[in-house]
Amino acid sequence: MIHFVLHDPGDSVGVVVVEGVKAGMALEGWILDEDRGTGVVARQDIPIGHKVALVDLQPGDTVLKYGLDIGRVVATIRAGEHAHVHNIKTKRW
């Protein structure tokens, strides 16, 4: 079962596409641009439509989603953790 998707293999986050992602689950992902799978273990519960970190990220790092810069990290995010507005902020302002 596919739990998350990403477009670019360089993305630092994937988008969860199923309900019920719980901490400790082995998640299967699909890299759309390369038509291949990847994976990560969830460290936190993550709601459908939200992002899961695929790599460890430190404050100041750029977050890539769908191959695009979507913001900067403001609090450490470990691979498998929930990546959202509490730890990522826009660079627009």
N, C-alpha and C. Protein backbone atom coordinates (compact mmCIF):
# COMPACT_ATOMS: atom_id res chain seq x y z
N MET A 1 0.84 -1.18 0.00
CA MET A 1 0.00 0.00 0.00
C MET A 1 0.89 1.24 0.00
N ILE A 2 0.53 2.22 -0.80
CA ILE A 2 1.25 3.49 -0.84
C ILE A 2 0.67 4.41 0.24
N HIS A 3 1.55 4.90 1.12
CA HIS A 3 1.15 5.78 2.22
C HIS A 3 1.43 7.25 1.92
N PHE A 4 2.46 7.52 1.08
CA PHE A 4 2.80 8.90 0.76
C PHE A 4 3.36 8.97 -0.64
N VAL A 5 3.30 10.18 -1.22
CA VAL A 5 3.84 10.39 -2.57
C VAL A 5 4.77 11.60 -2.56
N LEU A 6 5.69 11.59 -3.52
CA LEU A 6 6.56 12.72 -3.79
C LEU A 6 6.83 12.71 -5.28
N HIS A 7 7.16 13.86 -5.83
CA HIS A 7 7.43 13.95 -7.26
C HIS A 7 8.89 13.73 -7.57
N ASP A 8 9.73 14.48 -6.90
CA ASP A 8 11.15 14.53 -7.21
C ASP A 8 11.93 13.71 -6.19
N PRO A 9 12.91 12.90 -6.63
CA PRO A 9 13.68 12.11 -5.67
C PRO A 9 14.48 12.96 -4.69
N GLY A 10 14.65 14.25 -4.98
CA GLY A 10 15.35 15.16 -4.07
C GLY A 10 14.44 15.82 -3.05
N ASP A 11 13.13 15.52 -3.09
CA ASP A 11 12.20 16.11 -2.13
C ASP A 11 12.58 15.71 -0.70
N SER A 12 12.43 16.64 0.22
CA SER A 12 12.73 16.34 1.62
C SER A 12 11.48 15.94 2.41
N VAL A 13 10.30 16.10 1.79
CA VAL A 13 9.04 15.67 2.41
C VAL A 13 8.18 14.97 1.36
N GLY A 14 7.29 14.11 1.85
CA GLY A 14 6.28 13.49 1.02
C GLY A 14 4.91 13.81 1.59
N VAL A 15 3.87 13.68 0.79
CA VAL A 15 2.51 13.97 1.23
C VAL A 15 1.79 12.66 1.55
N VAL A 16 1.27 12.57 2.77
CA VAL A 16 0.55 11.38 3.22
C VAL A 16 -0.79 11.33 2.48
N VAL A 17 -1.10 10.17 1.89
CA VAL A 17 -2.30 10.03 1.06
C VAL A 17 -3.31 9.02 1.62
N VAL A 18 -3.09 8.56 2.85
CA VAL A 18 -4.02 7.64 3.49
C VAL A 18 -4.29 8.10 4.92
N GLU A 19 -5.41 7.68 5.46
CA GLU A 19 -5.72 7.97 6.86
C GLU A 19 -5.08 6.91 7.75
N GLY A 20 -4.86 7.26 8.99
CA GLY A 20 -4.42 6.28 9.98
C GLY A 20 -2.93 6.06 10.09
N VAL A 21 -2.10 7.00 9.61
CA VAL A 21 -0.65 6.85 9.78
C VAL A 21 -0.32 7.08 11.25
N LYS A 22 0.27 6.08 11.88
CA LYS A 22 0.60 6.11 13.30
C LYS A 22 2.10 5.95 13.50
N ALA A 23 2.59 6.51 14.60
CA ALA A 23 4.00 6.38 14.95
C ALA A 23 4.39 4.90 14.98
N GLY A 24 5.55 4.60 14.40
CA GLY A 24 6.06 3.24 14.36
C GLY A 24 5.73 2.47 13.09
N MET A 25 4.81 2.99 12.28
CA MET A 25 4.44 2.32 11.03
C MET A 25 5.54 2.46 9.99
N ALA A 26 5.81 1.38 9.28
CA ALA A 26 6.70 1.43 8.11
C ALA A 26 5.86 1.94 6.95
N LEU A 27 6.23 3.10 6.42
CA LEU A 27 5.46 3.73 5.35
C LEU A 27 6.11 3.47 4.00
N GLU A 28 5.28 3.16 3.02
CA GLU A 28 5.75 3.00 1.65
C GLU A 28 5.36 4.24 0.86
N GLY A 29 6.33 4.75 0.10
CA GLY A 29 6.08 5.93 -0.71
C GLY A 29 6.34 5.66 -2.17
N TRP A 30 5.85 6.57 -3.01
CA TRP A 30 6.03 6.45 -4.45
C TRP A 30 6.61 7.75 -5.00
N ILE A 31 7.75 7.63 -5.71
CA ILE A 31 8.37 8.78 -6.36
C ILE A 31 7.81 8.86 -7.77
N LEU A 32 6.92 9.80 -8.01
CA LEU A 32 6.18 9.87 -9.27
C LEU A 32 7.09 10.10 -10.48
N ASP A 33 8.08 10.99 -10.35
CA ASP A 33 8.94 11.30 -11.50
C ASP A 33 9.82 10.13 -11.93
N GLU A 34 10.05 9.18 -11.04
CA GLU A 34 10.92 8.04 -11.37
C GLU A 34 10.17 6.71 -11.37
N ASP A 35 8.88 6.75 -11.04
CA ASP A 35 8.05 5.54 -11.03
C ASP A 35 8.70 4.42 -10.22
N ARG A 36 9.09 4.78 -8.99
CA ARG A 36 9.69 3.78 -8.10
C ARG A 36 9.33 4.10 -6.65
N GLY A 37 9.53 3.11 -5.81
CA GLY A 37 9.17 3.24 -4.41
C GLY A 37 10.30 3.74 -3.53
N THR A 38 9.92 4.13 -2.33
CA THR A 38 10.84 4.54 -1.27
C THR A 38 10.12 4.29 0.05
N GLY A 39 10.77 4.53 1.15
CA GLY A 39 10.12 4.28 2.42
C GLY A 39 10.72 5.06 3.57
N VAL A 40 9.96 5.13 4.66
CA VAL A 40 10.40 5.77 5.90
C VAL A 40 9.52 5.22 7.02
N VAL A 41 10.03 5.20 8.23
CA VAL A 41 9.24 4.79 9.39
C VAL A 41 8.67 6.04 10.05
N ALA A 42 7.36 6.07 10.26
CA ALA A 42 6.72 7.22 10.90
C ALA A 42 7.15 7.29 12.36
N ARG A 43 7.59 8.46 12.79
CA ARG A 43 7.97 8.69 14.19
C ARG A 43 6.82 9.33 14.97
N GLN A 44 5.82 9.83 14.24
CA GLN A 44 4.66 10.47 14.86
C GLN A 44 3.43 10.11 14.05
N ASP A 45 2.25 10.28 14.64
CA ASP A 45 1.01 10.18 13.88
C ASP A 45 0.99 11.34 12.89
N ILE A 46 0.55 11.07 11.66
CA ILE A 46 0.51 12.11 10.64
C ILE A 46 -0.83 12.05 9.91
N PRO A 47 -1.58 13.16 9.92
CA PRO A 47 -2.88 13.18 9.25
C PRO A 47 -2.76 13.11 7.72
N ILE A 48 -3.79 12.60 7.09
CA ILE A 48 -3.85 12.57 5.64
C ILE A 48 -3.73 14.01 5.11
N GLY A 49 -2.98 14.16 4.02
CA GLY A 49 -2.79 15.47 3.40
C GLY A 49 -1.64 16.26 3.99
N HIS A 50 -1.08 15.81 5.10
CA HIS A 50 0.05 16.50 5.72
C HIS A 50 1.35 15.87 5.23
N LYS A 51 2.47 16.48 5.60
CA LYS A 51 3.77 16.05 5.11
C LYS A 51 4.50 15.18 6.12
N VAL A 52 5.24 14.21 5.60
CA VAL A 52 6.15 13.40 6.40
C VAL A 52 7.57 13.74 5.94
N ALA A 53 8.47 13.99 6.89
CA ALA A 53 9.86 14.27 6.55
C ALA A 53 10.53 12.98 6.08
N LEU A 54 11.29 13.09 5.00
CA LEU A 54 11.99 11.92 4.45
C LEU A 54 13.46 11.90 4.83
N VAL A 55 13.95 13.03 5.31
CA VAL A 55 15.34 13.16 5.75
C VAL A 55 15.34 14.01 7.02
N ASP A 56 16.42 13.94 7.79
CA ASP A 56 16.56 14.83 8.95
C ASP A 56 16.75 16.26 8.45
N LEU A 57 16.06 17.19 9.08
CA LEU A 57 16.13 18.60 8.70
C LEU A 57 16.44 19.45 9.93
N GLN A 58 17.29 20.44 9.74
CA GLN A 58 17.70 21.33 10.83
C GLN A 58 17.17 22.74 10.58
N PRO A 59 17.02 23.54 11.65
CA PRO A 59 16.58 24.92 11.47
C PRO A 59 17.42 25.64 10.41
N GLY A 60 16.72 26.33 9.51
CA GLY A 60 17.37 27.04 8.41
C GLY A 60 17.41 26.25 7.11
N ASP A 61 17.22 24.92 7.19
CA ASP A 61 17.21 24.11 5.96
C ASP A 61 16.01 24.48 5.09
N THR A 62 16.17 24.31 3.79
CA THR A 62 15.08 24.50 2.84
C THR A 62 14.30 23.20 2.71
N VAL A 63 12.97 23.31 2.70
CA VAL A 63 12.10 22.15 2.53
C VAL A 63 11.70 22.07 1.07
N LEU A 64 11.89 20.90 0.47
CA LEU A 64 11.52 20.68 -0.93
C LEU A 64 10.34 19.73 -1.01
N LYS A 65 9.32 20.15 -1.75
CA LYS A 65 8.11 19.35 -1.99
C LYS A 65 7.76 19.51 -3.46
N TYR A 66 7.57 18.40 -4.16
CA TYR A 66 7.29 18.42 -5.60
C TYR A 66 8.40 19.13 -6.36
N GLY A 67 9.63 19.06 -5.83
CA GLY A 67 10.77 19.68 -6.48
C GLY A 67 10.87 21.18 -6.27
N LEU A 68 10.00 21.74 -5.43
CA LEU A 68 9.95 23.19 -5.21
C LEU A 68 10.27 23.54 -3.76
N ASP A 69 10.86 24.70 -3.57
CA ASP A 69 11.14 25.26 -2.25
C ASP A 69 9.82 25.72 -1.64
N ILE A 70 9.38 25.09 -0.54
CA ILE A 70 8.12 25.47 0.09
C ILE A 70 8.32 26.19 1.42
N GLY A 71 9.56 26.36 1.85
CA GLY A 71 9.79 27.07 3.10
C GLY A 71 11.08 26.67 3.77
N ARG A 72 11.23 27.17 5.01
CA ARG A 72 12.44 26.86 5.78
C ARG A 72 12.05 26.22 7.10
N VAL A 73 12.93 25.37 7.57
CA VAL A 73 12.72 24.66 8.83
C VAL A 73 12.99 25.62 9.98
N VAL A 74 12.09 25.63 10.99
CA VAL A 74 12.27 26.49 12.16
C VAL A 74 12.49 25.68 13.44
N ALA A 75 12.31 24.38 13.38
CA ALA A 75 12.58 23.48 14.51
C ALA A 75 13.03 22.15 13.91
N THR A 76 13.96 21.49 14.57
CA THR A 76 14.49 20.23 14.07
C THR A 76 13.36 19.26 13.73
N ILE A 77 13.49 18.61 12.57
CA ILE A 77 12.53 17.60 12.12
C ILE A 77 13.33 16.36 11.76
N ARG A 78 13.02 15.24 12.39
CA ARG A 78 13.71 14.00 12.05
C ARG A 78 12.93 13.26 10.97
N ALA A 79 13.64 12.47 10.19
CA ALA A 79 12.99 11.65 9.16
C ALA A 79 11.87 10.85 9.82
N GLY A 80 10.69 10.88 9.21
CA GLY A 80 9.54 10.16 9.73
C GLY A 80 8.62 11.01 10.59
N GLU A 81 9.03 12.24 10.89
CA GLU A 81 8.19 13.11 11.71
C GLU A 81 7.23 13.93 10.85
N HIS A 82 6.20 14.44 11.52
CA HIS A 82 5.19 15.29 10.92
C HIS A 82 5.82 16.63 10.58
N ALA A 83 5.77 17.03 9.33
CA ALA A 83 6.31 18.32 8.88
C ALA A 83 5.14 19.21 8.51
N HIS A 84 4.97 20.31 9.25
CA HIS A 84 3.79 21.17 9.03
C HIS A 84 4.11 22.58 9.54
N VAL A 85 3.10 23.39 9.76
CA VAL A 85 3.30 24.80 10.12
C VAL A 85 3.98 25.00 11.47
N HIS A 86 4.00 23.98 12.31
CA HIS A 86 4.66 24.12 13.61
C HIS A 86 6.19 24.02 13.51
N ASN A 87 6.69 23.50 12.38
CA ASN A 87 8.15 23.37 12.23
C ASN A 87 8.67 23.83 10.87
N ILE A 88 7.77 24.35 10.02
CA ILE A 88 8.15 24.90 8.71
C ILE A 88 7.44 26.24 8.54
N LYS A 89 8.18 27.24 8.07
CA LYS A 89 7.59 28.55 7.80
C LYS A 89 7.93 28.98 6.38
N THR A 90 7.06 29.78 5.80
CA THR A 90 7.29 30.31 4.46
C THR A 90 8.49 31.25 4.46
N LYS A 91 9.10 31.39 3.30
CA LYS A 91 10.18 32.37 3.14
C LYS A 91 9.65 33.67 2.56
N ARG A 92 8.36 33.74 2.31
CA ARG A 92 7.77 34.91 1.66
C ARG A 92 7.75 36.14 2.55
N TRP A 93 7.66 35.95 3.86
CA TRP A 93 7.66 37.09 4.78
C TRP A 93 8.24 36.70 6.10
